[in-house]
Amino acid sequence: MTKTDMLHIRIEHETKLRVEKTLRILGLSVADAVNIFLSQIELNRGIPFDVRRPRPKDELLAAAAEARRLGVEDVGLIHVEALLKDL
């Protein structure tokens, strides 16, 4: 019998529930999925997919450029309070 080790991880409860539902449809457990993931790391000699920040959509980049062109200094996130105040 193959020797196994215990792996303890922390994930958000809602994430765990959603993942378990998807894996159940695939006939897999979370342990099965983790074993597949770890095997793929070994086979690929690294994470088996790109790990990077998502690139903003072209529309967002164009809006930020337009805001800068109009002289808007802070093109960061807009606070909900500021939006509600303008209503």
C-alpha atoms as a PDB file:
ATOM      1  CA  MET A   1       0.000   0.000   0.000  1.00  0.00           C
ATOM      2  CA  THR A   2       1.251   3.488  -0.870  1.00  0.00           C
ATOM      3  CA  LYS A   3       2.269   5.652   2.057  1.00  0.00           C
ATOM      4  CA  THR A   4       0.167   8.827   2.355  1.00  0.00           C
ATOM      5  CA  ASP A   5       0.648  12.102   4.198  1.00  0.00           C
ATOM      6  CA  MET A   6      -1.993  14.375   5.684  1.00  0.00           C
ATOM      7  CA  LEU A   7      -2.264  17.874   4.230  1.00  0.00           C
ATOM      8  CA  HIS A   8      -4.166  20.573   6.175  1.00  0.00           C
ATOM      9  CA  ILE A   9      -5.249  23.694   4.308  1.00  0.00           C
ATOM     10  CA  ARG A  10      -7.569  26.602   5.039  1.00  0.00           C
ATOM     11  CA  ILE A  11     -10.040  27.820   2.437  1.00  0.00           C
ATOM     12  CA  GLU A  12     -13.180  29.921   2.573  1.00  0.00           C
ATOM     13  CA  HIS A  13     -16.230  27.852   3.477  1.00  0.00           C
ATOM     14  CA  GLU A  14     -18.313  29.001   0.488  1.00  0.00           C
ATOM     15  CA  THR A  15     -15.442  28.224  -1.893  1.00  0.00           C
ATOM     16  CA  LYS A  16     -15.182  24.721  -0.440  1.00  0.00           C
ATOM     17  CA  LEU A  17     -18.918  24.118  -0.914  1.00  0.00           C
ATOM     18  CA  ARG A  18     -18.868  25.305  -4.540  1.00  0.00           C
ATOM     19  CA  VAL A  19     -15.766  23.249  -5.349  1.00  0.00           C
ATOM     20  CA  GLU A  20     -17.169  20.122  -3.700  1.00  0.00           C
ATOM     21  CA  LYS A  21     -20.348  20.464  -5.781  1.00  0.00           C
ATOM     22  CA  THR A  22     -18.357  20.723  -9.022  1.00  0.00           C
ATOM     23  CA  LEU A  23     -16.057  17.856  -8.074  1.00  0.00           C
ATOM     24  CA  ARG A  24     -19.007  15.656  -7.077  1.00  0.00           C
ATOM     25  CA  ILE A  25     -20.394  16.085 -10.625  1.00  0.00           C
ATOM     26  CA  LEU A  26     -16.983  14.967 -11.933  1.00  0.00           C
ATOM     27  CA  GLY A  27     -16.948  11.989  -9.563  1.00  0.00           C
ATOM     28  CA  LEU A  28     -13.987  13.369  -7.614  1.00  0.00           C
ATOM     29  CA  SER A  29     -13.312  14.288  -4.014  1.00  0.00           C
ATOM     30  CA  VAL A  30     -11.325  17.324  -2.890  1.00  0.00           C
ATOM     31  CA  ALA A  31      -8.485  14.927  -2.017  1.00  0.00           C
ATOM     32  CA  ASP A  32      -8.623  13.488  -5.560  1.00  0.00           C
ATOM     33  CA  ALA A  33      -8.471  16.998  -7.041  1.00  0.00           C
ATOM     34  CA  VAL A  34      -5.530  17.978  -4.831  1.00  0.00           C
ATOM     35  CA  ASN A  35      -3.676  14.793  -5.815  1.00  0.00           C
ATOM     36  CA  ILE A  36      -4.297  15.537  -9.510  1.00  0.00           C
ATOM     37  CA  PHE A  37      -3.098  19.122  -9.026  1.00  0.00           C
ATOM     38  CA  LEU A  38       0.068  18.025  -7.213  1.00  0.00           C
ATOM     39  CA  SER A  39       0.793  15.379  -9.860  1.00  0.00           C
ATOM     40  CA  GLN A  40       0.442  18.019 -12.575  1.00  0.00           C
ATOM     41  CA  ILE A  41       2.868  20.303 -10.721  1.00  0.00           C
ATOM     42  CA  GLU A  42       5.364  17.453 -10.705  1.00  0.00           C
ATOM     43  CA  LEU A  43       4.822  16.606 -14.400  1.00  0.00           C
ATOM     44  CA  ASN A  44       4.999  20.267 -15.498  1.00  0.00           C
ATOM     45  CA  ARG A  45       7.797  21.155 -13.088  1.00  0.00           C
ATOM     46  CA  GLY A  46       5.677  24.081 -11.931  1.00  0.00           C
ATOM     47  CA  ILE A  47       2.114  25.319 -11.642  1.00  0.00           C
ATOM     48  CA  PRO A  48       0.208  23.808 -14.601  1.00  0.00           C
ATOM     49  CA  PHE A  49      -1.404  27.123 -15.572  1.00  0.00           C
ATOM     50  CA  ASP A  50      -0.449  30.811 -15.713  1.00  0.00           C
ATOM     51  CA  VAL A  51      -0.497  32.581 -12.363  1.00  0.00           C
ATOM     52  CA  ARG A  52      -0.742  36.299 -12.950  1.00  0.00           C
ATOM     53  CA  ARG A  53      -2.883  39.319 -12.334  1.00  0.00           C
ATOM     54  CA  PRO A  54      -5.791  39.586 -14.755  1.00  0.00           C
ATOM     55  CA  ARG A  55      -5.335  42.182 -17.479  1.00  0.00           C
ATOM     56  CA  PRO A  56      -7.927  44.991 -17.369  1.00  0.00           C
ATOM     57  CA  LYS A  57     -10.390  45.037 -20.252  1.00  0.00           C
ATOM     58  CA  ASP A  58      -9.628  47.388 -23.127  1.00  0.00           C
ATOM     59  CA  GLU A  59     -12.739  49.461 -22.277  1.00  0.00           C
ATOM     60  CA  LEU A  60     -11.442  50.088 -18.758  1.00  0.00           C
ATOM     61  CA  LEU A  61      -7.998  51.072 -20.036  1.00  0.00           C
ATOM     62  CA  ALA A  62      -9.593  53.466 -22.565  1.00  0.00           C
ATOM     63  CA  ALA A  63     -11.783  55.032 -19.852  1.00  0.00           C
ATOM     64  CA  ALA A  64      -8.758  55.507 -17.576  1.00  0.00           C
ATOM     65  CA  ALA A  65      -6.820  57.146 -20.440  1.00  0.00           C
ATOM     66  CA  GLU A  66      -9.777  59.445 -21.163  1.00  0.00           C
ATOM     67  CA  ALA A  67     -10.034  60.398 -17.474  1.00  0.00           C
ATOM     68  CA  ARG A  68      -6.339  61.249 -17.417  1.00  0.00           C
ATOM     69  CA  ARG A  69      -6.745  63.283 -20.624  1.00  0.00           C
ATOM     70  CA  LEU A  70      -9.541  65.244 -18.947  1.00  0.00           C
ATOM     71  CA  GLY A  71      -7.287  65.961 -15.981  1.00  0.00           C
ATOM     72  CA  VAL A  72      -8.812  63.591 -13.465  1.00  0.00           C
ATOM     73  CA  GLU A  73      -5.997  62.962 -10.986  1.00  0.00           C
ATOM     74  CA  ASP A  74      -7.203  59.847  -9.178  1.00  0.00           C
ATOM     75  CA  VAL A  75      -8.261  57.142 -11.622  1.00  0.00           C
ATOM     76  CA  GLY A  76      -8.437  54.512  -8.869  1.00  0.00           C
ATOM     77  CA  LEU A  77     -11.486  52.754  -7.512  1.00  0.00           C
ATOM     78  CA  ILE A  78     -14.575  54.889  -6.912  1.00  0.00           C
ATOM     79  CA  HIS A  79     -16.009  54.592  -3.415  1.00  0.00           C
ATOM     80  CA  VAL A  80     -19.660  53.600  -3.049  1.00  0.00           C
ATOM     81  CA  GLU A  81     -20.237  56.502  -0.658  1.00  0.00           C
ATOM     82  CA  ALA A  82     -19.210  58.991  -3.344  1.00  0.00           C
ATOM     83  CA  LEU A  83     -21.569  57.411  -5.852  1.00  0.00           C
ATOM     84  CA  LEU A  84     -24.484  57.449  -3.408  1.00  0.00           C
ATOM     85  CA  LYS A  85     -23.817  61.110  -2.530  1.00  0.00           C
ATOM     86  CA  ASP A  86     -24.217  62.063  -6.195  1.00  0.00           C
ATOM     87  CA  LEU A  87     -27.662  60.437  -6.481  1.00  0.00           C
END
